[in-house]
Protein backbone atom coordinates (compact mmCIF):
# COMPACT_ATOMS: atom_id res chain seq x y z
CA UNK A 1 33.49 22.40 -7.53
CA UNK A 2 37.21 23.12 -7.39
CA UNK A 3 39.26 20.04 -6.41
CA UNK A 4 41.16 22.03 -3.78
CA UNK A 5 37.94 22.15 -1.73
CA UNK A 6 38.06 18.34 -1.67
CA UNK A 7 34.35 17.80 -2.17
CA UNK A 8 32.87 14.38 -1.71
CA UNK A 9 29.61 13.58 -3.38
CA UNK A 10 26.87 12.99 -0.83
CA UNK A 11 24.89 9.83 -1.35
CA UNK A 12 21.79 10.30 -3.45
CA UNK A 13 18.51 9.59 -1.71
CA UNK A 14 15.02 9.29 -3.02
CA UNK A 15 12.79 12.27 -2.37
CA UNK A 16 10.04 9.84 -1.28
CA UNK A 17 11.91 9.01 1.93
CA UNK A 18 10.16 10.10 5.11
CA UNK A 19 11.76 11.98 8.00
CA UNK A 20 11.29 9.09 10.42
CA UNK A 21 13.96 7.16 8.47
CA UNK A 22 16.52 9.62 9.87
CA UNK A 23 18.17 9.42 13.32
CA UNK A 24 16.24 12.44 14.60
CA UNK A 25 15.12 12.92 18.19
CA UNK A 26 11.36 12.49 18.83
CA UNK A 27 11.07 16.20 19.64
CA UNK A 28 12.32 17.12 16.17
CA UNK A 29 9.98 14.63 14.52
CA UNK A 30 7.17 16.39 16.39
CA UNK A 31 8.32 19.68 14.86
CA UNK A 32 8.38 18.13 11.40
CA UNK A 33 4.86 16.77 11.89
CA UNK A 34 3.58 20.12 13.21
CA UNK A 35 4.76 21.80 10.01
CA UNK A 36 2.87 19.22 7.97
CA UNK A 37 5.97 17.76 6.33
CA UNK A 38 5.76 14.14 5.18
CA UNK A 39 8.18 13.06 2.44
CA UNK A 40 11.53 14.80 2.20
CA UNK A 41 12.28 17.13 -0.70
CA UNK A 42 15.30 16.23 -2.86
CA UNK A 43 17.62 18.66 -1.05
CA UNK A 44 16.52 17.31 2.34
CA UNK A 45 16.93 13.68 1.28
CA UNK A 46 20.39 14.28 -0.17
CA UNK A 47 21.75 16.70 2.41
CA UNK A 48 20.41 15.52 5.76
CA UNK A 49 22.33 12.20 5.97
CA UNK A 50 25.64 14.06 5.54
CA UNK A 51 24.57 16.87 7.91
CA UNK A 52 23.43 14.48 10.63
CA UNK A 53 26.70 12.58 10.21
CA UNK A 54 28.54 15.77 11.16
CA UNK A 55 29.98 16.49 7.71
CA UNK A 56 30.59 19.96 6.34
CA UNK A 57 28.30 20.51 3.35
CA UNK A 58 28.12 22.62 0.21
CA UNK A 59 24.62 22.62 -1.28
CA UNK A 60 23.39 24.25 -4.46
CA UNK A 61 19.63 24.53 -4.30
CA UNK A 62 16.98 26.92 -5.63
CA UNK A 63 14.48 28.92 -3.58
CA UNK A 64 11.59 26.82 -2.31
CA UNK A 65 13.54 23.56 -2.28
CA UNK A 66 13.23 23.00 1.48
CA UNK A 67 16.79 23.93 2.42
CA UNK A 68 15.77 25.75 5.63
CA UNK A 69 14.33 22.56 7.11
CA UNK A 70 17.45 20.68 5.98
CA UNK A 71 19.96 22.86 7.82
CA UNK A 72 17.44 23.62 10.58
CA UNK A 73 17.01 19.99 11.54
CA UNK A 74 20.77 19.53 11.31
CA UNK A 75 21.67 22.37 13.66
CA UNK A 76 18.88 21.54 16.13
CA UNK A 77 20.03 17.90 16.16
CA UNK A 78 23.46 19.00 17.46
CA UNK A 79 22.16 21.36 20.18
CA UNK A 80 22.36 20.78 23.91
CA UNK A 81 19.40 22.80 25.30
CA UNK A 82 20.83 22.56 28.85
CA UNK A 83 23.97 24.48 27.82
CA UNK A 84 23.15 28.21 27.91
CA UNK A 85 25.41 29.42 25.11
CA UNK A 86 25.13 30.13 21.41
CA UNK A 87 25.60 26.80 19.65
CA UNK A 88 24.30 27.54 16.13
CA UNK A 89 24.69 30.57 13.89
CA UNK A 90 22.84 31.19 10.61
CA UNK A 91 24.01 34.02 8.33
CA UNK A 92 21.40 35.47 5.93
CA UNK A 93 21.65 38.29 3.36
CA UNK A 94 18.51 40.19 4.41
CA UNK A 95 16.38 40.79 7.46
CA UNK A 96 13.35 39.38 5.65
CA UNK A 97 15.06 36.05 5.05
CA UNK A 98 16.46 36.00 8.61
CA UNK A 99 12.95 36.54 10.03
CA UNK A 100 11.63 33.74 7.84
CA UNK A 101 14.41 31.36 8.91
CA UNK A 102 13.93 32.28 12.58
CA UNK A 103 10.21 31.54 12.39
CA UNK A 104 10.76 28.15 10.79
CA UNK A 105 13.44 27.16 13.32
CA UNK A 106 11.09 28.03 16.18
CA UNK A 107 8.38 25.85 14.65
CA UNK A 108 10.77 22.94 14.15
CA UNK A 109 11.96 23.30 17.76
CA UNK A 110 8.60 23.86 19.46
CA UNK A 111 8.82 20.54 21.33
CA UNK A 112 12.30 21.31 22.73
CA UNK A 113 11.80 22.99 26.13
CA UNK A 114 13.41 26.37 26.83
CA UNK A 115 15.14 26.67 23.46
CA UNK A 116 15.91 30.31 22.60
CA UNK A 117 16.23 31.55 19.00
CA UNK A 118 17.25 35.19 18.45
CA UNK A 119 17.06 37.08 15.14
CA UNK A 120 19.67 39.86 15.01
CA UNK A 121 19.59 42.15 11.97
CA UNK A 122 20.34 45.67 10.88
CA UNK A 123 17.47 48.10 10.38
CA UNK A 124 16.30 47.43 13.93
CA UNK A 125 17.12 49.19 17.20
CA UNK A 126 20.37 47.93 18.68
CA UNK A 127 19.33 48.23 22.34
CA UNK A 128 16.77 45.39 22.45
CA UNK A 129 19.19 43.11 20.61
CA UNK A 130 21.96 43.85 23.13
CA UNK A 131 19.47 43.09 25.92
CA UNK A 132 18.47 39.78 24.31
CA UNK A 133 22.11 38.67 24.37
CA UNK A 134 22.47 39.11 28.14
CA UNK A 135 21.16 35.54 28.33
CA UNK A 136 22.80 33.79 25.38
CA UNK A 137 20.38 32.31 22.82
CA UNK A 138 20.99 28.75 21.70
CA UNK A 139 20.52 29.77 18.06
CA UNK A 140 21.32 33.11 16.42
CA UNK A 141 20.02 34.04 12.96
CA UNK A 142 21.20 37.33 11.52
CA UNK A 143 22.70 39.51 8.84
CA UNK A 144 26.52 39.80 8.65
CA UNK A 145 26.74 43.55 9.25
CA UNK A 146 24.76 43.53 12.49
CA UNK A 147 26.46 40.35 13.75
CA UNK A 148 29.85 41.95 13.10
CA UNK A 149 28.76 45.01 15.08
CA UNK A 150 27.60 42.87 18.02
CA UNK A 151 30.86 40.91 17.97
CA UNK A 152 32.91 44.11 18.10
CA UNK A 153 30.84 45.28 21.07
CA UNK A 154 31.65 41.92 22.71
CA UNK A 155 27.92 41.32 23.18
CA UNK A 156 27.83 38.21 20.97
CA UNK A 157 30.03 35.25 21.87
CA UNK A 158 30.58 32.50 19.31
CA UNK A 159 33.10 30.28 21.09
CA UNK A 160 30.41 27.65 21.68
CA UNK A 161 29.16 27.44 18.07
CA UNK A 162 28.79 23.87 16.86
CA UNK A 163 27.05 24.62 13.55
CA UNK A 164 27.62 27.59 11.21
CA UNK A 165 25.23 28.06 8.27
CA UNK A 166 25.66 30.36 5.27
CA UNK A 167 22.16 30.75 3.78
CA UNK A 168 22.07 32.20 0.25
CA UNK A 169 25.80 32.81 0.39
CA UNK A 170 25.95 34.19 -3.15
CA UNK A 171 23.62 37.08 -2.27
CA UNK A 172 25.59 37.92 0.86
CA UNK A 173 28.69 38.36 -1.30
CA UNK A 174 26.69 40.34 -3.90
CA UNK A 175 25.69 42.73 -1.11
CA UNK A 176 29.30 43.32 -0.03
CA UNK A 177 29.32 41.17 3.11
CA UNK A 178 32.52 39.23 2.38
CA UNK A 179 34.65 41.02 4.99
CA UNK A 180 32.05 40.72 7.82
CA UNK A 181 31.49 37.05 6.90
CA UNK A 182 35.20 36.26 7.16
CA UNK A 183 35.46 38.12 10.48
CA UNK A 184 32.52 36.16 11.87
CA UNK A 185 33.95 32.82 10.69
CA UNK A 186 37.22 33.62 12.47
CA UNK A 187 35.37 34.00 15.78
CA UNK A 188 33.87 30.49 15.65
CA UNK A 189 35.64 27.28 16.76
CA UNK A 190 37.57 25.42 14.08
CA UNK A 191 35.82 22.24 15.19
CA UNK A 192 32.41 23.56 14.11
CA UNK A 193 30.32 22.04 11.35
CA UNK A 194 29.89 24.42 8.37
CA UNK A 195 26.92 24.27 5.99
CA UNK A 196 26.88 26.48 2.90
CA UNK A 197 23.74 26.91 0.78
CA UNK A 198 23.80 28.95 -2.42
CA UNK A 199 21.78 29.18 -5.62
CA UNK A 200 24.90 29.94 -7.69
CA UNK A 201 28.62 29.30 -7.24
CA UNK A 202 30.82 32.18 -8.43
CA UNK A 203 34.54 32.04 -7.67
CA UNK A 204 34.11 34.14 -4.51
CA UNK A 205 31.90 31.41 -3.05
CA UNK A 206 34.53 28.81 -3.85
CA UNK A 207 37.16 30.93 -2.07
CA UNK A 208 34.92 31.27 0.97
CA UNK A 209 34.33 27.51 1.05
CA UNK A 210 38.06 26.77 0.77
CA UNK A 211 38.79 28.94 3.80
CA UNK A 212 35.85 27.92 5.99
CA UNK A 213 35.20 24.22 5.35
CA UNK A 214 36.85 20.85 5.82
CA UNK A 215 36.40 18.23 3.08
CA UNK A 216 32.75 19.14 2.54
CA UNK A 217 30.20 16.82 1.05
CA UNK A 218 28.54 18.35 -1.98
CA UNK A 219 24.94 18.12 -3.16
CA UNK A 220 23.19 19.83 -6.03
CA UNK A 221 19.48 20.16 -6.69
CA UNK A 222 18.95 21.97 -9.96
CA UNK A 223 15.21 22.35 -9.57
CA UNK A 224 14.35 20.49 -12.78
CA UNK A 225 11.32 18.88 -11.19
CA UNK A 226 9.97 22.28 -10.22
CA UNK A 227 10.83 23.80 -13.60
CA UNK A 228 8.69 21.18 -15.33
CA UNK A 229 5.66 22.67 -13.55
CA UNK A 230 6.44 26.20 -14.79
CA UNK A 231 5.20 27.47 -18.15
CA UNK A 232 7.93 29.72 -19.53
CA UNK A 233 7.23 32.21 -22.33
CA UNK A 234 9.44 34.88 -23.89
CA UNK A 235 8.32 38.07 -25.68
CA UNK A 236 10.39 40.31 -27.95
CA UNK A 237 9.62 43.96 -27.30
CA UNK A 238 11.11 47.41 -27.87
CA UNK A 239 12.53 48.87 -24.68
CA UNK A 240 10.03 51.76 -24.70
CA UNK A 241 7.08 49.34 -24.98
CA UNK A 242 7.99 47.08 -22.07
CA UNK A 243 5.54 48.52 -19.54
CA UNK A 244 2.53 48.52 -21.94
CA UNK A 245 3.39 44.91 -22.84
CA UNK A 246 3.65 44.03 -19.15
CA UNK A 247 0.15 45.47 -18.66
CA UNK A 248 -1.13 43.37 -21.59
CA UNK A 249 0.31 40.19 -20.08
CA UNK A 250 -1.07 40.91 -16.62
CA UNK A 251 -4.51 41.46 -18.15
CA UNK A 252 -4.22 38.27 -20.18
CA UNK A 253 -2.97 35.92 -17.46
CA UNK A 254 -4.57 37.75 -14.49
CA UNK A 255 -2.35 36.16 -11.81
CA UNK A 256 -3.57 36.38 -8.21
CA UNK A 257 -0.02 37.25 -7.20
CA UNK A 258 2.95 38.20 -9.35
CA UNK A 259 6.54 39.32 -8.80
CA UNK A 260 8.03 41.47 -11.55
CA UNK A 261 11.85 41.51 -11.48
CA UNK A 262 13.82 44.57 -12.61
CA UNK A 263 17.60 44.77 -12.78
CA UNK A 264 17.72 48.43 -11.70
CA UNK A 265 16.27 49.98 -8.55
CA UNK A 266 14.97 53.08 -10.35
CA UNK A 267 13.00 50.92 -12.76
CA UNK A 268 10.99 49.33 -9.94
CA UNK A 269 9.51 52.71 -8.98
CA UNK A 270 8.83 53.70 -12.60
CA UNK A 271 7.09 50.40 -13.41
CA UNK A 272 4.91 50.67 -10.30
CA UNK A 273 3.90 54.19 -11.28
CA UNK A 274 2.84 53.03 -14.74
CA UNK A 275 1.00 49.94 -13.47
CA UNK A 276 -0.85 52.03 -10.86
CA UNK A 277 -1.91 54.39 -13.64
CA UNK A 278 -3.34 51.40 -15.50
CA UNK A 279 -5.32 50.42 -12.39
CA UNK A 280 -3.23 47.57 -10.96
CA UNK A 281 -2.50 47.29 -7.24
CA UNK A 282 1.30 47.37 -7.44
CA UNK A 283 4.11 48.11 -4.98
CA UNK A 284 7.88 48.47 -5.34
CA UNK A 285 10.51 46.71 -3.26
CA UNK A 286 14.19 47.65 -3.44
CA UNK A 287 17.23 47.89 -1.20
CA UNK A 288 17.20 51.67 -0.69
CA UNK A 289 13.81 51.69 1.03
CA UNK A 290 13.56 52.28 4.78
CA UNK A 291 13.23 49.00 6.67
CA UNK A 292 9.73 49.79 7.94
CA UNK A 293 8.54 50.56 4.41
CA UNK A 294 10.04 47.28 3.15
CA UNK A 295 8.33 45.38 5.96
CA UNK A 296 4.96 46.89 5.12
CA UNK A 297 5.31 46.13 1.42
CA UNK A 298 6.12 42.49 2.19
CA UNK A 299 3.18 42.23 4.60
CA UNK A 300 0.76 43.71 2.05
CA UNK A 301 1.96 41.41 -0.72
CA UNK A 302 1.82 38.30 1.45
CA UNK A 303 -1.68 39.10 2.75
CA UNK A 304 -3.08 39.79 -0.76
CA UNK A 305 -3.49 43.56 -0.32
CA UNK A 306 -1.21 43.95 -3.33
CA UNK A 307 -1.17 41.56 -6.29
CA UNK A 308 1.88 42.86 -8.20
CA UNK A 309 5.24 43.32 -6.50
CA UNK A 310 7.94 44.99 -8.61
CA UNK A 311 11.28 44.12 -7.06
CA UNK A 312 15.03 44.01 -7.43
CA UNK A 313 16.70 40.61 -6.91
CA UNK A 314 18.39 41.40 -3.61
CA UNK A 315 15.30 43.01 -2.08
CA UNK A 316 13.16 39.99 -2.96
CA UNK A 317 15.36 37.62 -0.94
CA UNK A 318 13.38 36.20 1.95
CA UNK A 319 10.06 36.83 0.23
CA UNK A 320 7.73 34.29 1.84
CA UNK A 321 4.59 33.98 -0.28
CA UNK A 322 2.77 30.73 -0.72
CA UNK A 323 1.36 29.84 -4.13
CA UNK A 324 2.97 32.65 -6.11
CA UNK A 325 1.09 32.45 -9.40
CA UNK A 326 3.53 34.18 -11.76
CA UNK A 327 6.98 35.67 -12.18
CA UNK A 328 7.80 38.27 -14.82
CA UNK A 329 11.30 39.18 -15.92
CA UNK A 330 10.87 42.83 -16.89
CA UNK A 331 14.59 42.70 -17.58
CA UNK A 332 16.46 39.50 -18.34
CA UNK A 333 19.22 38.91 -15.77
CA UNK A 334 22.84 38.89 -16.92
CA UNK A 335 23.40 35.52 -15.21
CA UNK A 336 21.25 32.58 -16.41
CA UNK A 337 21.47 31.05 -12.91
CA UNK A 338 19.65 34.12 -11.59
CA UNK A 339 16.89 33.44 -14.13
CA UNK A 340 16.48 29.92 -12.75
CA UNK A 341 16.42 31.30 -9.21
CA UNK A 342 13.79 33.91 -10.10
CA UNK A 343 11.35 31.58 -11.81
CA UNK A 344 11.80 29.02 -9.02
CA UNK A 345 9.68 31.26 -6.81
CA UNK A 346 6.57 30.03 -8.63
CA UNK A 347 5.46 26.47 -9.33
CA UNK A 348 6.43 25.27 -5.86
CA UNK A 349 5.33 22.08 -4.12
CA UNK A 350 4.09 20.55 -7.34
CA UNK A 351 1.78 23.47 -8.16
CA UNK A 352 1.76 25.07 -11.59
CA UNK A 353 3.29 28.45 -12.26
CA UNK A 354 3.95 30.90 -15.07
CA UNK A 355 7.20 32.70 -15.93
CA UNK A 356 7.00 35.49 -18.52
CA UNK A 357 10.11 37.26 -19.82
CA UNK A 358 10.36 40.51 -21.78
CA UNK A 359 13.34 40.60 -24.12
CA UNK A 360 14.51 43.94 -25.49
CA UNK A 361 16.81 44.30 -28.51
CA UNK A 362 19.91 44.43 -26.29
CA UNK A 363 18.93 41.34 -24.31
CA UNK A 364 18.97 38.68 -27.02
CA UNK A 365 22.40 37.48 -25.88
CA UNK A 366 21.01 36.92 -22.37
CA UNK A 367 18.11 34.92 -23.82
CA UNK A 368 20.59 32.74 -25.69
CA UNK A 369 22.51 32.10 -22.45
CA UNK A 370 19.28 31.06 -20.72
CA UNK A 371 18.48 28.72 -23.60
CA UNK A 372 21.94 27.17 -23.35
CA UNK A 373 21.58 26.84 -19.56
CA UNK A 374 18.23 25.05 -19.94
CA UNK A 375 19.34 22.87 -22.82
CA UNK A 376 16.10 23.38 -24.72
CA UNK A 377 14.66 25.99 -27.12
CA UNK A 378 12.83 28.90 -25.50
CA UNK A 379 9.09 29.28 -26.13
CA UNK A 380 8.56 32.61 -27.89
CA UNK A 381 5.13 34.25 -28.08
CA UNK A 382 3.71 37.45 -29.48
CA UNK A 383 1.52 40.00 -27.69
CA UNK A 384 0.46 43.55 -28.51
CA UNK A 385 1.49 46.23 -25.98
CA UNK A 386 -1.50 47.93 -24.37
CA UNK A 387 -2.63 51.13 -26.04
CA UNK A 388 -4.69 53.55 -23.96
CA UNK A 389 -6.28 52.69 -20.64
CA UNK A 390 -6.57 49.23 -19.15
CA UNK A 391 -10.02 47.71 -18.77
CA UNK A 392 -10.87 45.55 -15.79
CA UNK A 393 -7.39 45.52 -14.26
CA UNK A 394 -7.47 42.97 -11.42
CA UNK A 395 -7.55 44.65 -8.03
CA UNK A 396 -6.14 43.06 -4.88
CA UNK A 397 -8.96 41.45 -2.87
CA UNK A 398 -7.76 42.71 0.54
CA UNK A 399 -6.68 45.94 2.20
CA UNK A 400 -4.34 46.26 5.17
CA UNK A 401 -5.02 48.06 8.44
CA UNK A 402 -2.05 49.01 10.65
CA UNK A 403 -2.52 49.03 14.41
CA UNK A 404 0.10 50.97 16.36
CA UNK A 405 0.49 48.27 19.02
CA UNK A 406 2.11 44.86 19.13
CA UNK A 407 3.83 42.27 21.25
CA UNK A 408 5.17 44.87 23.68
CA UNK A 409 1.51 45.75 24.37
CA UNK A 410 0.73 42.04 24.94
CA UNK A 411 -1.35 42.07 21.75
CA UNK A 412 -2.03 38.73 20.05
CA UNK A 413 -3.64 37.86 16.70
CA UNK A 414 -6.65 36.47 18.57
CA UNK A 415 -7.24 39.85 20.23
CA UNK A 416 -7.41 41.59 16.84
CA UNK A 417 -9.61 38.88 15.36
CA UNK A 418 -11.93 39.11 18.35
CA UNK A 419 -12.25 42.88 18.05
CA UNK A 420 -13.11 42.63 14.36
CA UNK A 421 -15.61 39.79 14.66
CA UNK A 422 -17.03 41.10 17.94
CA UNK A 423 -17.63 44.83 18.31
CA UNK A 424 -16.76 45.56 14.67
CA UNK A 425 -19.27 42.96 13.50
CA UNK A 426 -17.23 41.45 10.64
CA UNK A 427 -17.55 37.83 9.62
CA UNK A 428 -14.43 35.72 10.08
CA UNK A 429 -14.15 35.02 6.32
CA UNK A 430 -13.69 38.77 5.69
CA UNK A 431 -10.47 38.77 7.69
CA UNK A 432 -7.18 37.58 6.24
CA UNK A 433 -3.65 37.28 7.64
CA UNK A 434 -2.80 38.98 10.91
CA UNK A 435 0.85 39.88 11.61
CA UNK A 436 1.90 41.04 15.07
CA UNK A 437 5.34 42.61 15.52
CA UNK A 438 7.00 44.29 18.49
CA UNK A 439 5.30 47.70 18.27
CA UNK A 440 2.77 47.38 15.44
CA UNK A 441 0.34 44.91 13.93
CA UNK A 442 -1.24 44.42 10.53
CA UNK A 443 -4.53 42.81 9.58
CA UNK A 444 -5.86 42.13 6.08
CA UNK A 445 -9.57 42.83 5.59
CA UNK A 446 -11.73 42.19 2.52
CA UNK A 447 -11.50 45.33 0.38
CA UNK A 448 -15.25 45.98 0.40
CA UNK A 449 -15.34 45.96 4.20
CA UNK A 450 -12.02 47.65 5.00
CA UNK A 451 -13.57 51.10 5.45
CA UNK A 452 -16.17 49.86 7.91
CA UNK A 453 -13.58 47.82 9.79
CA UNK A 454 -11.30 50.87 10.09
CA UNK A 455 -14.10 53.10 11.40
CA UNK A 456 -15.25 50.53 13.96
CA UNK A 457 -11.75 49.79 15.23
CA UNK A 458 -11.15 53.52 15.69
CA UNK A 459 -14.42 53.89 17.58
CA UNK A 460 -14.02 50.75 19.65
CA UNK A 461 -11.30 49.01 21.63
CA UNK A 462 -8.93 46.06 21.28
CA UNK A 463 -8.40 44.06 24.46
CA UNK A 464 -10.09 46.87 26.37
CA UNK A 465 -7.74 49.57 25.08
CA UNK A 466 -7.79 52.18 22.34
CA UNK A 467 -5.00 52.13 19.75
CA UNK A 468 -4.31 54.23 16.67
CA UNK A 469 -5.45 52.42 13.50
CA UNK A 470 -4.73 53.45 9.89
CA UNK A 471 -5.23 52.05 6.43
CA UNK A 472 -2.00 51.59 4.45
């Protein structure tokens, strides 16, 4: 880090340390226990002592390293629940990540009475968000563009902010949020604590840190421990044969869930079209999709109604899928740090994972950069691109039903589960994840029984009422 930022190395701490060694309130330890956390991850063990001591912090950490709990415990530790004003602000690049962070903060804070967490993002109606700010939330999580809009409408007040968090700061800058970020920072007290988390540190991040932070401590978790659990293989292939080779690899490894990364938005749609033709259950995810369509894709991938997600880097931010079996680089990224970030989505929490990379003739320089970044030779393999039709392409085990009702209709997951196991006659093990949002809900049902479940829900009632139900 640049000396002008005046970083101070945070003390190293063993990842085997438990949370009860920290000066956390009993209510926060209850939140930690409720989430099933025991030993701290490396980023938590190295960052939390500095955060709890009130230091500004710059942290470089990969996806899945536990950084949300690190800054979440820090900002909740500094809150005064009796003071009805916004005391913590978390900036995120995408709505998906903001939703994920908001959910985790609520879980960590469940034992703190009357604590209000609001998620404020673009792509959602402005009216309900303005209404939610009539009584100031203690914690706001949001995207820079929407937060800037709310500030200009004088609906959001940040003069009471004690902790400001930049989550995945590099992606916020990639998405063009530098000006809104600087405007937001200027509206917060200079006495605040600032915590910056980023997977990479381009010069723009260093500039932001110089202007927003005071003698920050600095911690870095490279993710080596996680990388050791990931099998990484590279395949040379002609550009025109990439999709047939991708099909070959998916048939060979047969991952239960897989994210395929493309560098270009248009390629995500084309790859999905080809994979669907081969018989795979694949969906695209990119930044130009409507927010509702993006939400539904993420729901279907997380609930196992889709086993291959073809995504751009920015769109995949905030992707919350446990036990992701494989990552495929359809295109090698231009930045080797992005490669590390991509493959870090698999092999989490000590589980194994697979990272497969397709290398076209024009991408050999990128492969060399990745090899230099890793400090070890890449493992190259050969495979024959698929010719003709695919045989026995793995199909997603679940299908998703959408119910046009949600929290505003007082609908709860238990109501949907009861309707399916009661009048609809399904067994509980045929029902997967249930997601309830403001005006719609989604339930995953075993593929073989999805048709029957749809027909019975349409004929019957949920919580004594009829709602429109469709298969997506």
